[in-house]
Amino acid sequence: MRLVITLEDVTQADKFSLFLLERGIENQVEANSQNQHVVWVFDEDSVSKSKDCYEEFSKHPNWTPSPDALRKKREKELQKEAEQFMAQNPEEASDGSVGEGPASEEAASSKQEEQPADKGQASSFGKLTLAVVVSCILLFLWSSFSAPPKIDLPSGGALTSSSFFTTPYSQLTYEEPLAYQYAAGFLEKLRHSQDPEEYMKTDAAYSEMYQFQTTPYWHGYYETYFIPEGATTYALNKAFSKKPQFEQIAQGEVWRVFTPALLHANLFHILFNLIWFVFLGKQIEQRIGFWRFSFFILFAAALSNTAQYLMSGPNFLGLSGVVMAMAGYIWMRQSIAAWEGYTIQKPTLYFLGFYVLVLVLLQIASFVLERNGFKSIAPNIANTAHIVGAIVGITLGRLNFLSAWRLGKIKK
């Protein structure tokens, strides 16, 4: 982190912090030993811009933030602040990675396109489709209600744990690095301390933060090897020589290759993914049956999750890799076996294809910019899982093993 300015008045410091947040600059306010209030920014590239912002802020003493913009920015900051405070790396997305699903308007209109595959089969949920939906909802509720409370700081700020620190997520994400376990332990001690800000100044707190910051974990090929250090915020735990991969999976926790697909970061994320999963999944399950659909979901989730982990590290969640696999599969079956009767109209599939294409183009553009020292423009979603999921679905769609005619579900 880099210091921008020290202010005597806590109200002014907090207002300036909000001023920076509205301009997209991640920052933090702390009280120092002289009872002054220090404004820090996480990204070194933002220091000069932040000082220019303060000059502008000083000229507008009656400035007030937009309520809508303030609420959105604060919600995003509160989700990430704990990890940003310790890792000093605002580019790391706690849910990044978490992948966002396709837009809800398209999902809603897609539901109207749906018709039963044939008169002998109702368009109700299949058993597996329903089981996946219920599992996602229960895990989301469990995590939401078991999330530890935020830590209020006397200076007016707050720290909140990422969803990755809740019990279901720590047990079911692709990996829970040892560094994250240290971070969770530090937050727990901070939460139970009488004065969190004073505790953060103690030698014990510095030791615990240093333990997190210097414990190596896998950040992904993209950040570790493809992007120069100068293009991203420096993280101590990237600097050490062996960066372990598959920490829990190597110890036998093989369910982790699949279970990230059942986890979601927020209400909108789970809503969009489940709308698409139900719309696409129940049609596939009706045609290929419970066991082959089970194979489809497990295979698509394992490949898309593993690809995302290798590319960006463990910070990702969501069913969207499987959703894209289902869309790719149906597109291929409609192309080579239209008699199977999938009732998704071409514009819907074209929309999803366009969605993946945009992700690819944005990631390529972001890569070029980052290689030349600029900030990333890629959205905070699991690009690799979406793309790999679509490729897996198209590939599976060419296999007779998953043909509805072969299984006798629909007569040719």
Protein backbone atom coordinates (compact mmCIF):
# COMPACT_ATOMS: atom_id res chain seq x y z
CA MET A 1 0.00 0.00 0.00
CA ARG A 2 1.05 3.61 -0.56
CA LEU A 3 0.25 6.62 1.62
CA VAL A 4 -1.66 9.41 -0.12
CA ILE A 5 -2.35 11.94 2.64
CA THR A 6 -2.61 12.37 6.43
CA LEU A 7 -5.58 14.34 7.77
CA GLU A 8 -6.43 15.56 11.27
CA ASP A 9 -10.21 15.36 10.85
CA VAL A 10 -11.63 11.83 10.68
CA THR A 11 -14.75 13.09 8.90
CA GLN A 12 -12.69 14.62 6.12
CA ALA A 13 -10.60 11.45 5.86
CA ASP A 14 -13.70 9.30 5.52
CA LYS A 15 -15.25 11.66 2.96
CA PHE A 16 -12.04 11.68 0.92
CA SER A 17 -11.96 7.88 1.08
CA LEU A 18 -15.48 7.80 -0.39
CA PHE A 19 -14.43 10.38 -3.00
CA LEU A 20 -11.65 8.01 -4.10
CA LEU A 21 -14.00 5.01 -4.11
CA GLU A 22 -16.38 6.80 -6.48
CA ARG A 23 -13.48 7.23 -8.86
CA GLY A 24 -12.60 3.55 -8.75
CA ILE A 25 -9.55 3.85 -6.49
CA GLU A 26 -9.40 1.16 -3.78
CA ASN A 27 -8.24 2.69 -0.50
CA GLN A 28 -8.21 2.39 3.27
CA VAL A 29 -8.26 4.85 6.20
CA GLU A 30 -6.23 4.16 9.35
CA ALA A 31 -5.58 6.10 12.56
CA ASN A 32 -1.90 6.49 13.46
CA SER A 33 -0.28 6.86 16.88
CA GLN A 34 -0.62 10.70 16.75
CA ASN A 35 -4.41 10.33 16.37
CA GLN A 36 -4.17 11.45 12.78
CA HIS A 37 -5.98 9.69 9.95
CA VAL A 38 -3.96 8.26 7.09
CA VAL A 39 -5.45 7.48 3.67
CA TRP A 40 -3.73 4.62 1.85
CA VAL A 41 -4.28 3.30 -1.68
CA PHE A 42 -3.63 -0.32 -2.63
CA ASP A 43 -2.34 0.24 -6.16
CA GLU A 44 0.90 2.18 -6.58
CA ASP A 45 -0.25 3.33 -10.02
CA SER A 46 -3.11 5.20 -8.31
CA VAL A 47 -0.96 7.39 -6.05
CA SER A 48 -0.54 10.27 -8.49
CA LYS A 49 -4.20 10.16 -9.49
CA SER A 50 -5.23 10.08 -5.81
CA LYS A 51 -3.26 13.24 -5.04
CA ASP A 52 -4.90 14.97 -7.99
CA CYS A 53 -8.23 13.80 -6.60
CA TYR A 54 -7.43 15.40 -3.24
CA GLU A 55 -6.83 18.76 -4.91
CA GLU A 56 -10.21 18.42 -6.60
CA PHE A 57 -11.81 17.26 -3.35
CA SER A 58 -10.40 20.28 -1.47
CA LYS A 59 -12.09 22.63 -3.95
CA HIS A 60 -15.51 21.13 -3.22
CA PRO A 61 -16.01 21.15 0.58
CA ASN A 62 -19.74 20.41 0.22
CA TRP A 63 -19.25 17.37 -2.01
CA THR A 64 -21.51 14.40 -1.29
CA PRO A 65 -21.37 10.99 -2.99
CA SER A 66 -24.18 9.58 -5.07
CA PRO A 67 -26.16 7.18 -2.81
CA ASP A 68 -26.43 4.50 -5.50
CA ALA A 69 -22.77 4.68 -6.46
CA LEU A 70 -21.73 4.77 -2.81
CA ARG A 71 -23.79 1.72 -1.91
CA LYS A 72 -22.45 -0.34 -4.81
CA LYS A 73 -18.86 0.62 -4.16
CA ARG A 74 -19.09 -0.01 -0.44
CA GLU A 75 -20.69 -3.41 -0.94
CA LYS A 76 -17.90 -4.40 -3.26
CA GLU A 77 -15.25 -3.03 -0.92
CA LEU A 78 -16.67 -4.82 2.12
CA GLN A 79 -16.59 -8.15 0.32
CA LYS A 80 -12.94 -7.82 -0.54
CA GLU A 81 -11.46 -5.60 2.14
CA ALA A 82 -10.18 -8.31 4.44
CA GLU A 83 -8.10 -10.00 1.77
CA GLN A 84 -7.01 -6.67 0.29
CA PHE A 85 -5.86 -5.47 3.72
CA MET A 86 -3.67 -8.51 4.29
CA ALA A 87 -2.49 -9.35 0.80
CA GLN A 88 -2.15 -5.70 -0.25
CA ASN A 89 -3.41 -6.81 -3.63
CA PRO A 90 -6.63 -5.29 -4.88
CA GLU A 91 -6.37 -7.24 -8.13
CA GLU A 92 -7.08 -10.50 -6.31
CA ALA A 93 -10.80 -11.24 -6.45
CA SER A 94 -12.12 -13.24 -3.57
CA ASP A 95 -15.02 -14.66 -5.43
CA GLY A 96 -13.34 -14.24 -8.73
CA SER A 97 -13.15 -15.09 -9.64
CA VAL A 98 -16.08 -15.96 -8.99
CA GLY A 99 -17.77 -16.26 -12.49
CA GLU A 100 -20.89 -14.18 -13.36
CA GLY A 101 -23.63 -15.92 -15.34
CA PRO A 102 -25.29 -14.59 -18.52
CA ALA A 103 -27.75 -11.70 -18.31
CA SER A 104 -31.09 -12.19 -16.64
CA GLU A 105 -33.21 -10.65 -19.42
CA GLU A 106 -32.02 -13.28 -21.88
CA ALA A 107 -32.56 -15.99 -19.28
CA ALA A 108 -36.11 -14.81 -18.64
CA SER A 109 -36.99 -14.66 -22.33
CA SER A 110 -35.41 -18.08 -22.85
CA LYS A 111 -37.86 -19.63 -20.42
CA GLN A 112 -40.71 -18.58 -22.71
CA GLU A 113 -39.15 -20.43 -25.64
CA GLU A 114 -39.28 -23.73 -23.82
CA GLN A 115 -41.69 -26.51 -24.86
CA PRO A 116 -41.87 -30.17 -23.78
CA ALA A 117 -39.63 -32.51 -25.76
CA ASP A 118 -42.56 -34.77 -26.52
CA LYS A 119 -46.06 -35.42 -25.22
CA GLY A 120 -44.90 -38.38 -23.19
CA GLN A 121 -42.55 -36.34 -21.07
CA ALA A 122 -43.45 -33.43 -18.83
CA SER A 123 -41.23 -30.37 -18.77
CA SER A 124 -40.74 -30.67 -15.00
CA PHE A 125 -37.37 -30.88 -13.30
CA GLY A 126 -35.36 -34.04 -13.68
CA LYS A 127 -34.12 -35.62 -10.45
CA LEU A 128 -30.51 -34.58 -10.98
CA THR A 129 -31.41 -31.08 -12.13
CA LEU A 130 -33.46 -30.61 -9.00
CA ALA A 131 -30.72 -32.09 -6.78
CA VAL A 132 -28.11 -29.68 -8.14
CA VAL A 133 -30.42 -26.68 -7.74
CA VAL A 134 -31.30 -27.61 -4.15
CA SER A 135 -27.62 -28.24 -3.30
CA CYS A 136 -26.60 -24.83 -4.64
CA ILE A 137 -29.35 -23.07 -2.69
CA LEU A 138 -28.65 -24.89 0.58
CA LEU A 139 -24.90 -24.26 0.39
CA PHE A 140 -25.51 -20.60 -0.42
CA LEU A 141 -27.87 -20.22 2.56
CA TRP A 142 -25.49 -22.11 4.86
CA SER A 143 -22.62 -19.86 3.92
CA SER A 144 -24.74 -16.69 4.17
CA PHE A 145 -26.04 -17.49 7.66
CA SER A 146 -22.72 -18.83 8.96
CA ALA A 147 -20.64 -15.90 7.71
CA PRO A 148 -18.84 -14.24 10.64
CA PRO A 149 -19.91 -10.66 11.46
CA LYS A 150 -17.95 -7.74 10.10
CA ILE A 151 -15.32 -6.10 12.28
CA ASP A 152 -16.18 -2.46 13.02
CA LEU A 153 -13.17 -0.20 13.43
CA PRO A 154 -13.24 2.86 15.73
CA SER A 155 -12.12 5.08 12.83
CA GLY A 156 -15.35 4.29 11.00
CA GLY A 157 -14.16 1.57 8.65
CA ALA A 158 -14.95 -2.11 8.74
CA LEU A 159 -13.40 -5.44 7.81
CA THR A 160 -15.44 -8.38 6.64
CA SER A 161 -14.43 -11.93 5.84
CA SER A 162 -14.69 -13.27 2.33
CA SER A 163 -17.17 -16.10 1.70
CA PHE A 164 -14.06 -18.25 1.26
CA PHE A 165 -13.61 -18.16 5.04
CA THR A 166 -16.99 -19.79 5.80
CA THR A 167 -17.14 -23.52 6.59
CA PRO A 168 -18.88 -24.78 3.41
CA TYR A 169 -16.69 -22.73 1.13
CA SER A 170 -13.42 -23.62 2.86
CA GLN A 171 -14.29 -27.32 2.52
CA LEU A 172 -15.63 -27.22 -1.06
CA THR A 173 -13.60 -24.67 -3.02
CA TYR A 174 -10.99 -26.03 -5.41
CA GLU A 175 -8.28 -25.30 -2.87
CA GLU A 176 -7.96 -23.76 0.56
CA PRO A 177 -4.30 -22.70 0.61
CA LEU A 178 -2.41 -22.71 3.89
CA ALA A 179 -2.04 -18.95 3.43
CA TYR A 180 -5.84 -18.58 3.51
CA GLN A 181 -6.01 -20.64 6.69
CA TYR A 182 -3.54 -18.24 8.31
CA ALA A 183 -5.66 -15.32 7.10
CA ALA A 184 -8.82 -16.85 8.56
CA GLY A 185 -7.06 -17.37 11.91
CA PHE A 186 -5.87 -13.78 11.96
CA LEU A 187 -9.37 -12.44 11.25
CA GLU A 188 -10.83 -14.61 13.99
CA LYS A 189 -8.36 -13.21 16.56
CA LEU A 190 -9.04 -9.70 15.29
CA ARG A 191 -12.78 -10.23 15.63
CA HIS A 192 -12.49 -11.33 19.26
CA SER A 193 -10.07 -8.58 20.31
CA GLN A 194 -11.44 -5.70 22.38
CA ASP A 195 -9.90 -3.05 20.11
CA PRO A 196 -9.22 -4.38 16.56
CA GLU A 197 -7.22 -1.32 15.49
CA GLU A 198 -4.95 -1.54 18.52
CA TYR A 199 -4.55 -5.28 18.00
CA MET A 200 -3.42 -4.70 14.41
CA LYS A 201 -0.53 -2.61 15.76
CA THR A 202 0.78 -5.38 18.02
CA ASP A 203 3.79 -7.55 17.25
CA ALA A 204 1.54 -10.64 17.27
CA ALA A 205 -0.70 -9.15 14.57
CA TYR A 206 2.27 -8.18 12.41
CA SER A 207 3.66 -11.69 12.81
CA GLU A 208 0.35 -13.26 11.76
CA MET A 209 -0.03 -10.96 8.75
CA TYR A 210 3.56 -11.64 7.74
CA GLN A 211 2.90 -15.38 8.01
CA PHE A 212 -0.01 -15.02 5.56
CA GLN A 213 1.88 -12.71 3.22
CA THR A 214 4.95 -14.95 2.98
CA THR A 215 3.24 -18.35 2.71
CA PRO A 216 3.28 -19.26 -0.99
CA TYR A 217 0.16 -20.47 -2.78
CA TRP A 218 -0.82 -20.94 -6.38
CA HIS A 219 -1.81 -17.64 -8.07
CA GLY A 220 -2.33 -19.18 -11.51
CA TYR A 221 -0.27 -19.32 -14.68
CA TYR A 222 -1.69 -16.04 -15.93
CA GLU A 223 -0.47 -13.91 -13.04
CA THR A 224 2.61 -15.97 -12.18
CA TYR A 225 4.19 -16.40 -15.60
CA PHE A 226 2.39 -14.35 -18.25
CA ILE A 227 2.12 -10.92 -16.65
CA PRO A 228 5.20 -8.89 -15.60
CA GLU A 229 5.47 -8.07 -11.89
CA GLY A 230 5.30 -4.39 -12.66
CA ALA A 231 1.87 -4.74 -14.24
CA THR A 232 0.12 -6.01 -11.10
CA THR A 233 0.25 -5.17 -7.43
CA TYR A 234 3.12 -6.98 -5.79
CA ALA A 235 2.22 -9.83 -3.41
CA LEU A 236 4.81 -11.27 -1.06
CA ASN A 237 3.50 -14.81 -1.28
CA LYS A 238 4.21 -14.80 -5.03
CA ALA A 239 7.88 -14.05 -4.42
CA PHE A 240 8.85 -17.33 -2.83
CA SER A 241 10.15 -20.25 -4.91
CA LYS A 242 7.82 -23.21 -4.76
CA LYS A 243 4.19 -22.33 -5.23
CA PRO A 244 2.28 -25.48 -4.27
CA GLN A 245 -0.52 -26.72 -6.50
CA PHE A 246 -3.54 -28.92 -5.63
CA GLU A 247 -2.79 -28.66 -1.90
CA GLN A 248 -5.93 -30.48 -0.67
CA ILE A 249 -6.61 -32.59 -3.77
CA ALA A 250 -3.14 -34.11 -3.46
CA GLN A 251 -4.17 -35.17 0.07
CA GLY A 252 -7.20 -37.07 -1.22
CA GLU A 253 -9.92 -34.39 -1.21
CA VAL A 254 -10.82 -35.16 -4.81
CA TRP A 255 -14.38 -33.82 -4.52
CA ARG A 256 -12.89 -30.34 -4.80
CA VAL A 257 -12.49 -30.70 -8.58
CA PHE A 258 -16.30 -30.59 -8.83
CA THR A 259 -17.75 -28.82 -5.78
CA PRO A 260 -16.76 -25.20 -6.66
CA ALA A 261 -19.56 -25.42 -9.23
CA LEU A 262 -22.10 -25.66 -6.38
CA LEU A 263 -20.88 -22.46 -4.67
CA HIS A 264 -21.90 -18.91 -5.51
CA ALA A 265 -20.71 -15.48 -4.47
CA ASN A 266 -23.98 -13.54 -4.14
CA LEU A 267 -27.71 -13.63 -4.80
CA PHE A 268 -27.52 -12.39 -8.40
CA HIS A 269 -24.76 -14.85 -9.24
CA ILE A 270 -26.73 -17.87 -8.02
CA LEU A 271 -30.01 -16.61 -9.52
CA PHE A 272 -28.63 -16.16 -13.03
CA ASN A 273 -26.74 -19.45 -13.01
CA LEU A 274 -29.68 -21.50 -11.71
CA ILE A 275 -32.14 -19.99 -14.20
CA TRP A 276 -29.90 -21.08 -17.04
CA PHE A 277 -29.08 -24.43 -15.44
CA VAL A 278 -32.76 -25.34 -15.04
CA PHE A 279 -33.70 -24.17 -18.53
CA LEU A 280 -30.89 -26.11 -20.22
CA GLY A 281 -30.39 -28.97 -17.78
CA LYS A 282 -33.87 -30.40 -17.60
CA GLN A 283 -34.00 -30.73 -21.39
CA ILE A 284 -30.71 -32.62 -21.45
CA GLU A 285 -31.66 -34.88 -18.52
CA GLN A 286 -34.97 -35.80 -20.19
CA ARG A 287 -33.10 -36.96 -23.27
CA ILE A 288 -29.96 -38.68 -22.02
CA GLY A 289 -31.06 -39.90 -18.60
CA PHE A 290 -29.91 -39.49 -15.01
CA TRP A 291 -26.57 -41.35 -15.11
CA ARG A 292 -25.26 -39.94 -18.36
CA PHE A 293 -26.32 -36.46 -17.29
CA SER A 294 -24.42 -37.07 -14.03
CA PHE A 295 -21.33 -37.91 -16.06
CA PHE A 296 -21.87 -34.78 -18.17
CA ILE A 297 -22.05 -32.46 -15.16
CA LEU A 298 -19.12 -34.03 -13.32
CA PHE A 299 -16.92 -34.08 -16.42
CA ALA A 300 -17.74 -30.50 -17.46
CA ALA A 301 -17.30 -29.17 -13.92
CA ALA A 302 -14.01 -30.99 -13.34
CA LEU A 303 -12.43 -29.76 -16.59
CA SER A 304 -13.69 -26.17 -16.42
CA ASN A 305 -12.81 -25.85 -12.71
CA THR A 306 -9.33 -27.30 -13.16
CA ALA A 307 -8.63 -25.06 -16.14
CA GLN A 308 -9.76 -22.01 -14.17
CA TYR A 309 -7.61 -23.00 -11.19
CA LEU A 310 -4.52 -23.50 -13.32
CA MET A 311 -5.05 -20.17 -15.04
CA SER A 312 -6.02 -17.91 -12.12
CA GLY A 313 -5.64 -19.75 -8.81
CA PRO A 314 -8.32 -20.89 -6.34
CA ASN A 315 -10.47 -17.73 -6.14
CA PHE A 316 -13.46 -18.77 -8.27
CA LEU A 317 -16.96 -20.11 -7.74
CA GLY A 318 -20.05 -20.90 -9.73
CA LEU A 319 -21.99 -23.19 -12.03
CA SER A 320 -21.44 -21.12 -15.15
CA GLY A 321 -18.72 -23.42 -16.59
CA VAL A 322 -21.28 -26.26 -16.56
CA VAL A 323 -23.97 -23.96 -17.96
CA MET A 324 -21.73 -23.04 -20.89
CA ALA A 325 -20.99 -26.75 -21.44
CA MET A 326 -24.73 -27.47 -21.63
CA ALA A 327 -25.25 -24.62 -24.09
CA GLY A 328 -22.39 -25.88 -26.29
CA TYR A 329 -23.74 -29.43 -26.11
CA ILE A 330 -27.27 -28.43 -27.15
CA TRP A 331 -25.95 -26.27 -29.99
CA MET A 332 -23.99 -29.24 -31.32
CA ARG A 333 -26.92 -31.68 -30.94
CA GLN A 334 -29.22 -29.29 -32.78
CA SER A 335 -26.65 -29.10 -35.57
CA ILE A 336 -26.09 -32.85 -36.02
CA ALA A 337 -29.24 -34.44 -34.55
CA ALA A 338 -32.13 -31.96 -34.79
CA TRP A 339 -34.64 -34.82 -34.37
CA GLU A 340 -33.72 -34.99 -30.67
CA GLY A 341 -36.03 -32.04 -30.20
CA TYR A 342 -34.09 -29.55 -28.09
CA THR A 343 -36.36 -26.53 -27.99
CA ILE A 344 -33.84 -23.73 -27.54
CA GLN A 345 -34.09 -21.21 -30.32
CA LYS A 346 -30.96 -20.32 -32.25
CA PRO A 347 -30.84 -16.65 -31.11
CA THR A 348 -30.54 -17.82 -27.50
CA LEU A 349 -27.55 -20.02 -28.31
CA TYR A 350 -26.07 -17.27 -30.48
CA PHE A 351 -26.34 -14.93 -27.51
CA LEU A 352 -24.40 -17.36 -25.33
CA GLY A 353 -21.83 -17.85 -28.09
CA PHE A 354 -21.46 -14.09 -28.41
CA TYR A 355 -21.04 -13.91 -24.62
CA VAL A 356 -18.10 -16.34 -24.76
CA LEU A 357 -16.59 -14.52 -27.74
CA VAL A 358 -16.69 -11.21 -25.87
CA LEU A 359 -14.93 -12.86 -22.91
CA VAL A 360 -12.18 -14.14 -25.22
CA LEU A 361 -11.68 -10.75 -26.88
CA LEU A 362 -11.66 -8.90 -23.56
CA GLN A 363 -9.13 -11.33 -22.10
CA ILE A 364 -6.85 -10.96 -25.14
CA ALA A 365 -7.08 -7.16 -24.98
CA SER A 366 -6.43 -7.20 -21.24
CA PHE A 367 -3.41 -9.47 -21.72
CA VAL A 368 -1.88 -7.09 -24.26
CA LEU A 369 -2.47 -4.09 -21.97
CA GLU A 370 -1.05 -5.83 -18.89
CA ARG A 371 2.03 -6.97 -20.78
CA ASN A 372 2.67 -3.31 -21.54
CA GLY A 373 2.24 -2.11 -17.97
CA PHE A 374 -1.42 -1.07 -18.01
CA LYS A 375 -4.21 -2.22 -15.71
CA SER A 376 -6.39 -5.18 -16.56
CA ILE A 377 -9.71 -4.53 -18.30
CA ALA A 378 -10.92 -8.12 -18.05
CA PRO A 379 -14.15 -8.45 -16.03
CA ASN A 380 -13.97 -10.12 -12.65
CA ILE A 381 -15.49 -13.39 -13.85
CA ALA A 382 -14.15 -16.87 -14.48
CA ASN A 383 -13.28 -16.42 -18.16
CA THR A 384 -11.37 -19.68 -18.47
CA ALA A 385 -14.19 -21.76 -16.95
CA HIS A 386 -16.71 -20.27 -19.38
CA ILE A 387 -14.54 -20.87 -22.41
CA VAL A 388 -13.39 -24.36 -21.46
CA GLY A 389 -16.95 -25.29 -20.47
CA ALA A 390 -18.25 -24.32 -23.90
CA ILE A 391 -15.51 -26.35 -25.63
CA VAL A 392 -16.24 -29.39 -23.42
CA GLY A 393 -19.96 -29.19 -24.21
CA ILE A 394 -19.39 -28.95 -27.97
CA THR A 395 -17.02 -31.93 -27.81
CA LEU A 396 -19.46 -34.05 -25.79
CA GLY A 397 -22.22 -33.09 -28.20
CA ARG A 398 -20.44 -34.99 -30.99
CA LEU A 399 -20.40 -38.27 -29.05
CA ASN A 400 -23.00 -40.97 -29.76
CA PHE A 401 -22.56 -41.97 -26.14
CA LEU A 402 -24.76 -39.00 -25.22
CA SER A 403 -27.27 -39.43 -28.05
CA ALA A 404 -30.95 -39.35 -27.07
CA TRP A 405 -31.81 -41.80 -29.90
CA ARG A 406 -29.19 -44.29 -28.66
CA LEU A 407 -30.76 -44.23 -25.18
CA GLY A 408 -34.28 -44.61 -26.50
CA LYS A 409 -35.46 -41.45 -24.77
CA ILE A 410 -36.87 -40.00 -27.99
CA LYS A 411 -37.67 -42.02 -31.09
CA LYS A 412 -35.95 -40.99 -34.29
